Amino acid sequence: MRFRYQRGLWWTVIVILAAGSATAGTLEGRVQTHDAKLDLAGFVAYVDDVAGPFPTPDRVLVMDQKSLRFVPHVLPIQVGTTVEFANSDPLAHNVFSISSPKRFNLGLYGRETSRRVKFDQPGVVQLLCNVHQEMSAFIVVVKSPYFARTAADGSFRIDNVPAGRHRVRIWHEAMDERSYDVVVAAAGITRKTISLD
């Protein structure tokens, strides 16, 4: 599913590449915008051009349903990750997706129960509840372990990125995905500012 970029918004992505070892570095960045209504914790940054294969994640991640909301609203994961959909509300929910990377329908289930789904294809999966139409969330499934969701202040950190030139993608539900070439240095810090308008 594609989302249109809203006119009049001005965005800045500040990327800092800090090397951690001779073969891998740490990618740190911050997303900035003049739109006070935009959720800075809703961005996902990820490196998508590092060759695998990568070990299948064995940790189960949780997306809860609280106060008629999915928590978190955006969840980035690696291909092969299993997500547990918990229900902490005192009423029943139905989690489903019609997104092509993962179509599923978990049916109706009540409080203090959960259902699990394994995500085996990369892409953006939008989640909905057919009982409560105001509920929605996104799972961003990426191929490598080099990804992060931004914090409330727009900052993010990706550790152990192999040194060298890479493509970093920035995703947000309110704009088209963007990509940038960056160089992870084997030593020192590389800073790059990217403006989106």
N, C-alpha and C. Protein backbone atom coordinates (compact mmCIF):
# COMPACT_ATOMS: atom_id res chain seq x y z
N MET A 1 0.84 -1.18 0.00
CA MET A 1 0.00 0.00 0.00
C MET A 1 0.88 1.24 0.00
N ARG A 2 0.55 2.20 -0.89
CA ARG A 2 1.34 3.41 -1.00
C ARG A 2 0.62 4.55 -0.30
N PHE A 3 1.39 5.48 0.23
CA PHE A 3 0.84 6.62 0.93
C PHE A 3 1.38 7.89 0.30
N ARG A 4 0.52 8.85 0.10
CA ARG A 4 0.94 10.09 -0.54
C ARG A 4 1.66 10.99 0.46
N TYR A 5 2.67 11.63 -0.03
CA TYR A 5 3.37 12.63 0.77
C TYR A 5 2.52 13.89 0.82
N GLN A 6 2.31 14.45 1.99
CA GLN A 6 1.46 15.62 2.16
C GLN A 6 2.21 16.88 1.74
N ARG A 7 1.52 17.73 0.95
CA ARG A 7 2.12 18.98 0.51
C ARG A 7 2.34 19.91 1.70
N GLY A 8 3.39 20.70 1.60
CA GLY A 8 3.63 21.71 2.61
C GLY A 8 4.47 21.25 3.78
N LEU A 9 4.80 19.98 3.82
CA LEU A 9 5.63 19.49 4.91
C LEU A 9 7.10 19.66 4.54
N TRP A 10 7.90 19.91 5.52
CA TRP A 10 9.34 20.04 5.30
C TRP A 10 10.02 19.09 6.27
N TRP A 11 10.84 18.20 5.74
CA TRP A 11 11.45 17.15 6.54
C TRP A 11 12.96 17.27 6.45
N THR A 12 13.62 16.86 7.50
CA THR A 12 15.07 16.75 7.45
C THR A 12 15.45 15.44 8.12
N VAL A 13 16.30 14.67 7.46
CA VAL A 13 16.84 13.47 8.06
C VAL A 13 18.33 13.69 8.22
N ILE A 14 18.80 13.64 9.47
CA ILE A 14 20.22 13.81 9.74
C ILE A 14 20.79 12.44 10.03
N VAL A 15 21.77 12.03 9.23
CA VAL A 15 22.36 10.71 9.38
C VAL A 15 23.79 10.85 9.85
N ILE A 16 24.13 10.16 10.94
CA ILE A 16 25.49 10.15 11.45
C ILE A 16 25.99 8.73 11.39
N LEU A 17 27.11 8.51 10.74
CA LEU A 17 27.69 7.19 10.62
C LEU A 17 28.90 7.11 11.52
N ALA A 18 28.80 6.31 12.56
CA ALA A 18 29.90 6.20 13.51
C ALA A 18 30.43 4.78 13.46
N ALA A 19 31.67 4.62 13.15
CA ALA A 19 32.25 3.29 13.02
C ALA A 19 32.44 2.65 14.38
N GLY A 20 32.18 1.33 14.46
CA GLY A 20 32.35 0.63 15.72
C GLY A 20 33.55 -0.29 15.70
N SER A 21 33.94 -0.80 14.53
CA SER A 21 35.10 -1.67 14.43
C SER A 21 35.66 -1.53 13.02
N ALA A 22 36.71 -2.31 12.69
CA ALA A 22 37.33 -2.22 11.37
C ALA A 22 36.40 -2.73 10.28
N THR A 23 35.41 -3.56 10.63
CA THR A 23 34.54 -4.14 9.62
C THR A 23 33.08 -3.74 9.77
N ALA A 24 32.71 -3.08 10.85
CA ALA A 24 31.31 -2.70 11.05
C ALA A 24 31.23 -1.38 11.81
N GLY A 25 30.18 -0.65 11.55
CA GLY A 25 29.98 0.63 12.20
C GLY A 25 28.59 0.76 12.77
N THR A 26 28.34 1.90 13.38
CA THR A 26 27.03 2.19 13.95
C THR A 26 26.42 3.36 13.20
N LEU A 27 25.20 3.20 12.76
CA LEU A 27 24.48 4.25 12.06
C LEU A 27 23.55 4.93 13.04
N GLU A 28 23.78 6.22 13.26
CA GLU A 28 22.90 7.00 14.11
C GLU A 28 22.32 8.14 13.30
N GLY A 29 21.07 8.48 13.54
CA GLY A 29 20.44 9.56 12.79
C GLY A 29 19.31 10.18 13.57
N ARG A 30 18.76 11.22 12.99
CA ARG A 30 17.61 11.90 13.59
C ARG A 30 16.74 12.46 12.48
N VAL A 31 15.44 12.26 12.61
CA VAL A 31 14.47 12.81 11.67
C VAL A 31 13.90 14.08 12.28
N GLN A 32 13.88 15.14 11.51
CA GLN A 32 13.31 16.41 11.95
C GLN A 32 12.28 16.90 10.96
N THR A 33 11.23 17.57 11.44
CA THR A 33 10.20 18.11 10.58
C THR A 33 9.58 19.33 11.23
N HIS A 34 9.06 20.24 10.39
CA HIS A 34 8.36 21.42 10.90
C HIS A 34 6.89 21.14 11.15
N ASP A 35 6.44 19.95 10.82
CA ASP A 35 5.04 19.58 11.04
C ASP A 35 4.88 19.02 12.44
N ALA A 36 4.31 19.82 13.35
CA ALA A 36 4.19 19.42 14.75
C ALA A 36 3.23 18.25 14.93
N LYS A 37 2.37 17.99 13.96
CA LYS A 37 1.40 16.91 14.08
C LYS A 37 1.97 15.55 13.67
N LEU A 38 3.12 15.56 13.06
CA LEU A 38 3.72 14.30 12.60
C LEU A 38 4.34 13.53 13.75
N ASP A 39 4.07 12.23 13.81
CA ASP A 39 4.63 11.38 14.85
C ASP A 39 6.07 11.01 14.50
N LEU A 40 7.01 11.60 15.21
CA LEU A 40 8.42 11.33 14.94
C LEU A 40 8.81 9.90 15.29
N ALA A 41 8.02 9.23 16.12
CA ALA A 41 8.31 7.84 16.47
C ALA A 41 7.78 6.87 15.43
N GLY A 42 7.30 7.39 14.29
CA GLY A 42 6.71 6.52 13.28
C GLY A 42 7.59 6.23 12.09
N PHE A 43 8.87 6.62 12.14
CA PHE A 43 9.78 6.34 11.03
C PHE A 43 10.51 5.02 11.24
N VAL A 44 10.84 4.37 10.14
CA VAL A 44 11.70 3.18 10.17
C VAL A 44 12.87 3.46 9.23
N ALA A 45 14.08 3.25 9.73
CA ALA A 45 15.30 3.36 8.92
C ALA A 45 15.90 1.97 8.81
N TYR A 46 16.32 1.58 7.59
CA TYR A 46 16.92 0.26 7.45
C TYR A 46 17.88 0.22 6.27
N VAL A 47 18.89 -0.64 6.39
CA VAL A 47 19.86 -0.89 5.34
C VAL A 47 19.41 -2.13 4.59
N ASP A 48 19.21 -2.02 3.27
CA ASP A 48 18.60 -3.15 2.56
C ASP A 48 19.50 -3.79 1.51
N ASP A 49 20.79 -3.38 1.45
CA ASP A 49 21.64 -3.92 0.39
C ASP A 49 22.79 -4.79 0.89
N VAL A 50 22.72 -5.24 2.14
CA VAL A 50 23.74 -6.14 2.67
C VAL A 50 23.34 -7.57 2.34
N ALA A 51 24.25 -8.30 1.71
CA ALA A 51 23.94 -9.67 1.29
C ALA A 51 23.79 -10.60 2.49
N GLY A 52 22.82 -11.47 2.44
CA GLY A 52 22.62 -12.47 3.48
C GLY A 52 23.35 -13.76 3.12
N PRO A 53 22.92 -14.91 3.60
CA PRO A 53 21.73 -15.05 4.44
C PRO A 53 21.98 -14.62 5.88
N PHE A 54 20.88 -14.31 6.58
CA PHE A 54 20.95 -13.92 7.98
C PHE A 54 20.24 -14.97 8.83
N PRO A 55 20.70 -15.18 10.06
CA PRO A 55 20.02 -16.14 10.93
C PRO A 55 18.56 -15.75 11.15
N THR A 56 17.70 -16.74 11.21
CA THR A 56 16.28 -16.47 11.47
C THR A 56 16.11 -16.01 12.92
N PRO A 57 15.45 -14.89 13.15
CA PRO A 57 15.27 -14.41 14.53
C PRO A 57 14.50 -15.44 15.36
N ASP A 58 14.97 -15.68 16.59
CA ASP A 58 14.27 -16.64 17.44
C ASP A 58 13.44 -15.97 18.53
N ARG A 59 13.54 -14.63 18.64
CA ARG A 59 12.77 -13.92 19.65
C ARG A 59 11.41 -13.54 19.09
N VAL A 60 10.35 -13.85 19.84
CA VAL A 60 8.99 -13.48 19.45
C VAL A 60 8.73 -12.05 19.90
N LEU A 61 8.30 -11.19 18.98
CA LEU A 61 7.97 -9.81 19.31
C LEU A 61 6.47 -9.69 19.56
N VAL A 62 6.09 -8.69 20.35
CA VAL A 62 4.69 -8.54 20.75
C VAL A 62 4.12 -7.23 20.24
N MET A 63 2.95 -7.30 19.63
CA MET A 63 2.14 -6.12 19.35
C MET A 63 0.85 -6.29 20.13
N ASP A 64 0.62 -5.38 21.08
CA ASP A 64 -0.54 -5.49 21.97
C ASP A 64 -1.70 -4.66 21.43
N GLN A 65 -2.87 -4.90 22.00
CA GLN A 65 -4.06 -4.10 21.72
C GLN A 65 -4.56 -3.56 23.05
N LYS A 66 -4.40 -2.23 23.21
CA LYS A 66 -4.75 -1.56 24.46
C LYS A 66 -5.54 -0.30 24.14
N SER A 67 -6.65 -0.11 24.86
CA SER A 67 -7.46 1.10 24.70
C SER A 67 -7.82 1.34 23.23
N LEU A 68 -8.17 0.27 22.54
CA LEU A 68 -8.56 0.31 21.13
C LEU A 68 -7.45 0.86 20.24
N ARG A 69 -6.21 0.52 20.57
CA ARG A 69 -5.06 0.90 19.76
C ARG A 69 -4.10 -0.27 19.67
N PHE A 70 -3.39 -0.37 18.54
CA PHE A 70 -2.28 -1.30 18.43
C PHE A 70 -1.06 -0.64 19.05
N VAL A 71 -0.34 -1.38 19.89
CA VAL A 71 0.85 -0.85 20.57
C VAL A 71 2.01 -1.82 20.35
N PRO A 72 3.07 -1.37 19.61
CA PRO A 72 3.26 -0.05 19.01
C PRO A 72 2.49 0.10 17.71
N HIS A 73 2.35 1.35 17.27
CA HIS A 73 1.65 1.62 16.01
C HIS A 73 2.48 1.16 14.82
N VAL A 74 3.81 1.26 14.93
CA VAL A 74 4.72 0.81 13.87
C VAL A 74 5.73 -0.15 14.49
N LEU A 75 5.88 -1.32 13.87
CA LEU A 75 6.80 -2.33 14.38
C LEU A 75 7.68 -2.82 13.24
N PRO A 76 8.98 -2.45 13.22
CA PRO A 76 9.89 -3.01 12.22
C PRO A 76 10.43 -4.36 12.68
N ILE A 77 10.51 -5.33 11.76
CA ILE A 77 10.99 -6.66 12.10
C ILE A 77 11.82 -7.20 10.94
N GLN A 78 12.59 -8.24 11.21
CA GLN A 78 13.35 -8.94 10.17
C GLN A 78 12.50 -10.08 9.62
N VAL A 79 12.71 -10.39 8.35
CA VAL A 79 12.04 -11.54 7.73
C VAL A 79 12.27 -12.78 8.59
N GLY A 80 11.21 -13.55 8.80
CA GLY A 80 11.30 -14.77 9.61
C GLY A 80 10.87 -14.58 11.04
N THR A 81 10.56 -13.34 11.44
CA THR A 81 10.17 -13.05 12.82
C THR A 81 8.72 -13.45 13.05
N THR A 82 8.46 -13.99 14.24
CA THR A 82 7.10 -14.28 14.67
C THR A 82 6.63 -13.15 15.58
N VAL A 83 5.41 -12.65 15.32
CA VAL A 83 4.82 -11.59 16.14
C VAL A 83 3.61 -12.15 16.87
N GLU A 84 3.56 -11.88 18.16
CA GLU A 84 2.41 -12.28 18.98
C GLU A 84 1.47 -11.10 19.12
N PHE A 85 0.22 -11.29 18.77
CA PHE A 85 -0.79 -10.24 18.86
C PHE A 85 -1.62 -10.48 20.13
N ALA A 86 -1.26 -9.74 21.17
CA ALA A 86 -1.94 -9.88 22.46
C ALA A 86 -3.18 -8.99 22.49
N ASN A 87 -4.10 -9.32 23.37
CA ASN A 87 -5.30 -8.50 23.57
C ASN A 87 -5.40 -8.16 25.05
N SER A 88 -5.11 -6.89 25.38
CA SER A 88 -5.20 -6.43 26.76
C SER A 88 -6.47 -5.63 27.03
N ASP A 89 -7.34 -5.54 26.04
CA ASP A 89 -8.61 -4.82 26.21
C ASP A 89 -9.68 -5.74 26.81
N PRO A 90 -10.66 -5.15 27.50
CA PRO A 90 -11.74 -5.96 28.08
C PRO A 90 -12.82 -6.29 27.07
N LEU A 91 -12.46 -6.44 25.82
CA LEU A 91 -13.41 -6.78 24.76
C LEU A 91 -12.67 -7.51 23.66
N ALA A 92 -13.40 -8.07 22.74
CA ALA A 92 -12.80 -8.90 21.71
C ALA A 92 -12.28 -8.07 20.55
N HIS A 93 -11.21 -8.55 19.92
CA HIS A 93 -10.63 -7.94 18.73
C HIS A 93 -10.47 -8.98 17.63
N ASN A 94 -10.32 -8.49 16.41
CA ASN A 94 -10.00 -9.34 15.27
C ASN A 94 -8.89 -8.66 14.48
N VAL A 95 -7.71 -9.27 14.42
CA VAL A 95 -6.58 -8.70 13.70
C VAL A 95 -6.51 -9.37 12.33
N PHE A 96 -6.43 -8.52 11.29
CA PHE A 96 -6.30 -9.09 9.95
C PHE A 96 -5.48 -8.16 9.07
N SER A 97 -4.99 -8.72 7.96
CA SER A 97 -4.24 -7.95 6.97
C SER A 97 -4.59 -8.44 5.58
N ILE A 98 -4.73 -7.47 4.66
CA ILE A 98 -4.92 -7.81 3.25
C ILE A 98 -3.71 -7.36 2.43
N SER A 99 -2.62 -7.01 3.11
CA SER A 99 -1.39 -6.58 2.43
C SER A 99 -0.72 -7.78 1.78
N SER A 100 -0.18 -7.58 0.57
CA SER A 100 0.38 -8.71 -0.18
C SER A 100 1.54 -9.43 0.49
N PRO A 101 2.43 -8.75 1.27
CA PRO A 101 3.50 -9.52 1.91
C PRO A 101 3.00 -10.55 2.92
N LYS A 102 1.81 -10.30 3.51
CA LYS A 102 1.27 -11.27 4.48
C LYS A 102 -0.22 -11.03 4.66
N ARG A 103 -1.01 -11.94 4.10
CA ARG A 103 -2.46 -11.88 4.27
C ARG A 103 -2.87 -12.89 5.34
N PHE A 104 -3.66 -12.41 6.31
CA PHE A 104 -4.13 -13.32 7.36
C PHE A 104 -5.33 -12.72 8.05
N ASN A 105 -6.05 -13.57 8.77
CA ASN A 105 -7.19 -13.16 9.58
C ASN A 105 -7.19 -14.04 10.83
N LEU A 106 -6.98 -13.42 11.99
CA LEU A 106 -6.84 -14.18 13.24
C LEU A 106 -8.16 -14.49 13.91
N GLY A 107 -9.27 -14.01 13.35
CA GLY A 107 -10.56 -14.28 13.96
C GLY A 107 -10.76 -13.48 15.24
N LEU A 108 -11.90 -13.67 15.86
CA LEU A 108 -12.27 -12.92 17.06
C LEU A 108 -11.69 -13.61 18.29
N TYR A 109 -10.99 -12.84 19.14
CA TYR A 109 -10.49 -13.41 20.39
C TYR A 109 -10.48 -12.35 21.48
N GLY A 110 -10.63 -12.81 22.74
CA GLY A 110 -10.89 -11.91 23.85
C GLY A 110 -9.68 -11.52 24.67
N ARG A 111 -9.96 -10.93 25.81
CA ARG A 111 -8.94 -10.37 26.69
C ARG A 111 -8.00 -11.46 27.22
N GLU A 112 -6.72 -11.06 27.38
CA GLU A 112 -5.67 -11.92 27.94
C GLU A 112 -5.45 -13.19 27.13
N THR A 113 -5.76 -13.10 25.84
CA THR A 113 -5.41 -14.17 24.91
C THR A 113 -4.58 -13.56 23.79
N SER A 114 -3.94 -14.39 23.00
CA SER A 114 -3.10 -13.88 21.91
C SER A 114 -3.06 -14.89 20.78
N ARG A 115 -2.63 -14.40 19.62
CA ARG A 115 -2.43 -15.24 18.44
C ARG A 115 -1.08 -14.86 17.84
N ARG A 116 -0.45 -15.81 17.12
CA ARG A 116 0.88 -15.57 16.56
C ARG A 116 0.87 -15.70 15.04
N VAL A 117 1.72 -14.88 14.40
CA VAL A 117 1.89 -14.91 12.95
C VAL A 117 3.37 -14.79 12.64
N LYS A 118 3.86 -15.63 11.72
CA LYS A 118 5.24 -15.54 11.25
C LYS A 118 5.27 -14.77 9.93
N PHE A 119 6.15 -13.78 9.84
CA PHE A 119 6.25 -12.93 8.65
C PHE A 119 7.46 -13.37 7.83
N ASP A 120 7.20 -13.96 6.68
CA ASP A 120 8.26 -14.59 5.90
C ASP A 120 8.58 -13.90 4.58
N GLN A 121 7.98 -12.73 4.33
CA GLN A 121 8.26 -11.97 3.12
C GLN A 121 8.48 -10.50 3.47
N PRO A 122 9.46 -9.83 2.82
CA PRO A 122 9.67 -8.40 3.11
C PRO A 122 8.54 -7.55 2.55
N GLY A 123 8.33 -6.40 3.18
CA GLY A 123 7.30 -5.47 2.73
C GLY A 123 6.57 -4.85 3.90
N VAL A 124 5.64 -3.97 3.59
CA VAL A 124 4.85 -3.28 4.62
C VAL A 124 3.51 -3.96 4.75
N VAL A 125 3.17 -4.35 5.98
CA VAL A 125 1.92 -5.04 6.26
C VAL A 125 1.06 -4.13 7.13
N GLN A 126 -0.09 -3.72 6.60
CA GLN A 126 -1.01 -2.90 7.38
C GLN A 126 -1.95 -3.81 8.15
N LEU A 127 -2.13 -3.52 9.43
CA LEU A 127 -3.01 -4.29 10.30
C LEU A 127 -4.30 -3.52 10.56
N LEU A 128 -5.39 -4.26 10.62
CA LEU A 128 -6.70 -3.66 10.90
C LEU A 128 -7.47 -4.59 11.83
N CYS A 129 -8.54 -4.04 12.40
CA CYS A 129 -9.47 -4.83 13.24
C CYS A 129 -10.86 -4.63 12.65
N ASN A 130 -11.52 -5.73 12.24
CA ASN A 130 -12.82 -5.55 11.60
C ASN A 130 -13.94 -5.27 12.59
N VAL A 131 -13.62 -5.28 13.90
CA VAL A 131 -14.59 -4.91 14.92
C VAL A 131 -14.52 -3.41 15.20
N HIS A 132 -13.31 -2.86 15.15
CA HIS A 132 -13.07 -1.45 15.47
C HIS A 132 -12.33 -0.80 14.31
N GLN A 133 -13.06 -0.09 13.47
CA GLN A 133 -12.49 0.44 12.23
C GLN A 133 -11.46 1.53 12.46
N GLU A 134 -11.44 2.12 13.65
CA GLU A 134 -10.46 3.17 13.93
C GLU A 134 -9.07 2.61 14.24
N MET A 135 -8.95 1.31 14.41
CA MET A 135 -7.68 0.70 14.75
C MET A 135 -6.87 0.35 13.50
N SER A 136 -5.61 0.75 13.49
CA SER A 136 -4.71 0.37 12.41
C SER A 136 -3.28 0.42 12.90
N ALA A 137 -2.40 -0.31 12.26
CA ALA A 137 -0.98 -0.32 12.60
C ALA A 137 -0.21 -0.86 11.41
N PHE A 138 1.13 -0.81 11.50
CA PHE A 138 1.98 -1.26 10.41
C PHE A 138 3.12 -2.11 10.94
N ILE A 139 3.39 -3.21 10.23
CA ILE A 139 4.59 -4.00 10.47
C ILE A 139 5.46 -3.87 9.22
N VAL A 140 6.68 -3.36 9.41
CA VAL A 140 7.62 -3.16 8.30
C VAL A 140 8.62 -4.32 8.35
N VAL A 141 8.52 -5.22 7.38
CA VAL A 141 9.34 -6.43 7.36
C VAL A 141 10.52 -6.21 6.42
N VAL A 142 11.75 -6.30 6.96
CA VAL A 142 12.95 -6.05 6.17
C VAL A 142 13.82 -7.31 6.12
N LYS A 143 14.72 -7.36 5.13
CA LYS A 143 15.50 -8.57 4.89
C LYS A 143 16.64 -8.76 5.88
N SER A 144 17.24 -7.67 6.34
CA SER A 144 18.45 -7.77 7.17
C SER A 144 18.16 -7.37 8.61
N PRO A 145 19.09 -7.61 9.52
CA PRO A 145 18.91 -7.18 10.91
C PRO A 145 19.30 -5.72 11.14
N TYR A 146 19.61 -4.99 10.07
CA TYR A 146 20.09 -3.61 10.20
C TYR A 146 18.94 -2.63 10.02
N PHE A 147 18.17 -2.43 11.09
CA PHE A 147 17.01 -1.55 11.03
C PHE A 147 16.73 -0.97 12.41
N ALA A 148 15.93 0.09 12.44
CA ALA A 148 15.53 0.70 13.70
C ALA A 148 14.28 1.54 13.49
N ARG A 149 13.47 1.64 14.53
CA ARG A 149 12.36 2.59 14.55
C ARG A 149 12.82 3.82 15.31
N THR A 150 12.38 4.99 14.88
CA THR A 150 12.77 6.21 15.55
C THR A 150 12.13 6.33 16.93
N ALA A 151 12.84 7.02 17.82
CA ALA A 151 12.32 7.32 19.15
C ALA A 151 11.40 8.54 19.05
N ALA A 152 10.85 8.96 20.20
CA ALA A 152 9.91 10.08 20.22
C ALA A 152 10.52 11.37 19.71
N ASP A 153 11.84 11.51 19.83
CA ASP A 153 12.51 12.72 19.34
C ASP A 153 13.03 12.58 17.92
N GLY A 154 12.71 11.47 17.25
CA GLY A 154 13.13 11.26 15.87
C GLY A 154 14.48 10.60 15.71
N SER A 155 15.14 10.25 16.81
CA SER A 155 16.47 9.65 16.72
C SER A 155 16.38 8.14 16.51
N PHE A 156 17.43 7.58 15.89
CA PHE A 156 17.50 6.13 15.73
C PHE A 156 18.96 5.71 15.73
N ARG A 157 19.18 4.41 15.95
CA ARG A 157 20.53 3.85 16.00
C ARG A 157 20.49 2.44 15.43
N ILE A 158 21.40 2.14 14.50
CA ILE A 158 21.53 0.80 13.93
C ILE A 158 22.96 0.35 14.14
N ASP A 159 23.17 -0.71 14.89
CA ASP A 159 24.51 -1.19 15.23
C ASP A 159 25.00 -2.24 14.23
N ASN A 160 26.33 -2.39 14.20
CA ASN A 160 27.01 -3.48 13.47
C ASN A 160 26.75 -3.49 11.97
N VAL A 161 26.59 -2.31 11.37
CA VAL A 161 26.43 -2.23 9.92
C VAL A 161 27.80 -2.45 9.27
N PRO A 162 27.93 -3.38 8.31
CA PRO A 162 29.23 -3.59 7.66
C PRO A 162 29.77 -2.30 7.06
N ALA A 163 31.07 -2.08 7.22
CA ALA A 163 31.69 -0.87 6.68
C ALA A 163 31.58 -0.86 5.16
N GLY A 164 31.42 0.34 4.59
CA GLY A 164 31.34 0.48 3.14
C GLY A 164 30.13 1.30 2.73
N ARG A 165 29.91 1.37 1.42
CA ARG A 165 28.80 2.14 0.88
C ARG A 165 27.52 1.30 0.92
N HIS A 166 26.46 1.92 1.40
CA HIS A 166 25.17 1.23 1.52
C HIS A 166 24.03 2.14 1.13
N ARG A 167 22.88 1.51 0.93
CA ARG A 167 21.64 2.24 0.69
C ARG A 167 20.79 2.15 1.95
N VAL A 168 20.43 3.31 2.48
CA VAL A 168 19.58 3.38 3.66
C VAL A 168 18.20 3.87 3.24
N ARG A 169 17.18 3.16 3.64
CA ARG A 169 15.81 3.54 3.31
C ARG A 169 15.11 4.12 4.53
N ILE A 170 14.28 5.12 4.28
CA ILE A 170 13.49 5.76 5.34
C ILE A 170 12.02 5.59 4.98
N TRP A 171 11.25 5.00 5.90
CA TRP A 171 9.83 4.74 5.67
C TRP A 171 8.99 5.46 6.70
N HIS A 172 7.84 5.98 6.27
CA HIS A 172 6.82 6.52 7.17
C HIS A 172 5.48 6.38 6.47
N GLU A 173 4.43 6.12 7.23
CA GLU A 173 3.13 5.88 6.62
C GLU A 173 2.59 7.10 5.87
N ALA A 174 3.08 8.31 6.18
CA ALA A 174 2.55 9.53 5.59
C ALA A 174 3.33 9.99 4.36
N MET A 175 4.31 9.21 3.91
CA MET A 175 5.11 9.62 2.75
C MET A 175 5.59 8.41 1.99
N ASP A 176 6.01 8.65 0.76
CA ASP A 176 6.62 7.58 -0.02
C ASP A 176 7.99 7.25 0.57
N GLU A 177 8.36 6.00 0.48
CA GLU A 177 9.66 5.58 1.00
C GLU A 177 10.78 6.27 0.22
N ARG A 178 11.82 6.69 0.93
CA ARG A 178 12.98 7.36 0.32
C ARG A 178 14.22 6.52 0.56
N SER A 179 15.21 6.64 -0.32
CA SER A 179 16.47 5.92 -0.14
C SER A 179 17.64 6.87 -0.34
N TYR A 180 18.74 6.59 0.36
CA TYR A 180 19.92 7.45 0.35
C TYR A 180 21.17 6.58 0.38
N ASP A 181 22.18 7.03 -0.35
CA ASP A 181 23.48 6.36 -0.30
C ASP A 181 24.29 6.94 0.84
N VAL A 182 24.85 6.07 1.67
CA VAL A 182 25.69 6.50 2.78
C VAL A 182 26.92 5.60 2.82
N VAL A 183 27.96 6.09 3.44
CA VAL A 183 29.20 5.33 3.57
C VAL A 183 29.50 5.13 5.05
N VAL A 184 29.53 3.89 5.46
CA VAL A 184 29.90 3.56 6.84
C VAL A 184 31.42 3.44 6.89
N ALA A 185 32.06 4.37 7.58
CA ALA A 185 33.52 4.39 7.64
C ALA A 185 34.03 3.37 8.64
N ALA A 186 35.24 2.88 8.37
CA ALA A 186 35.86 1.92 9.29
C ALA A 186 36.38 2.62 10.54
N ALA A 187 36.55 3.94 10.48
CA ALA A 187 37.00 4.70 11.64
C ALA A 187 36.46 6.11 11.53
N GLY A 188 36.27 6.77 12.66
CA GLY A 188 35.76 8.13 12.65
C GLY A 188 34.26 8.20 12.49
N ILE A 189 33.76 9.40 12.28
CA ILE A 189 32.31 9.65 12.17
C ILE A 189 32.02 10.37 10.86
N THR A 190 31.05 9.87 10.14
CA THR A 190 30.58 10.53 8.91
C THR A 190 29.21 11.11 9.17
N ARG A 191 29.02 12.39 8.84
CA ARG A 191 27.72 13.04 9.04
C ARG A 191 27.14 13.44 7.69
N LYS A 192 25.85 13.20 7.54
CA LYS A 192 25.17 13.57 6.30
C LYS A 192 23.78 14.07 6.64
N THR A 193 23.41 15.22 6.10
CA THR A 193 22.08 15.78 6.31
C THR A 193 21.28 15.66 5.03
N ILE A 194 20.05 15.13 5.15
CA ILE A 194 19.16 14.95 4.01
C ILE A 194 17.89 15.73 4.28
N SER A 195 17.53 16.63 3.37
CA SER A 195 16.30 17.43 3.52
C SER A 195 15.23 16.93 2.55
N LEU A 196 14.02 16.77 3.05
CA LEU A 196 12.87 16.36 2.24
C LEU A 196 11.85 17.48 2.30
N ASP A 197 11.37 17.94 1.13
CA ASP A 197 10.31 18.95 1.13
C ASP A 197 9.33 18.66 0.02
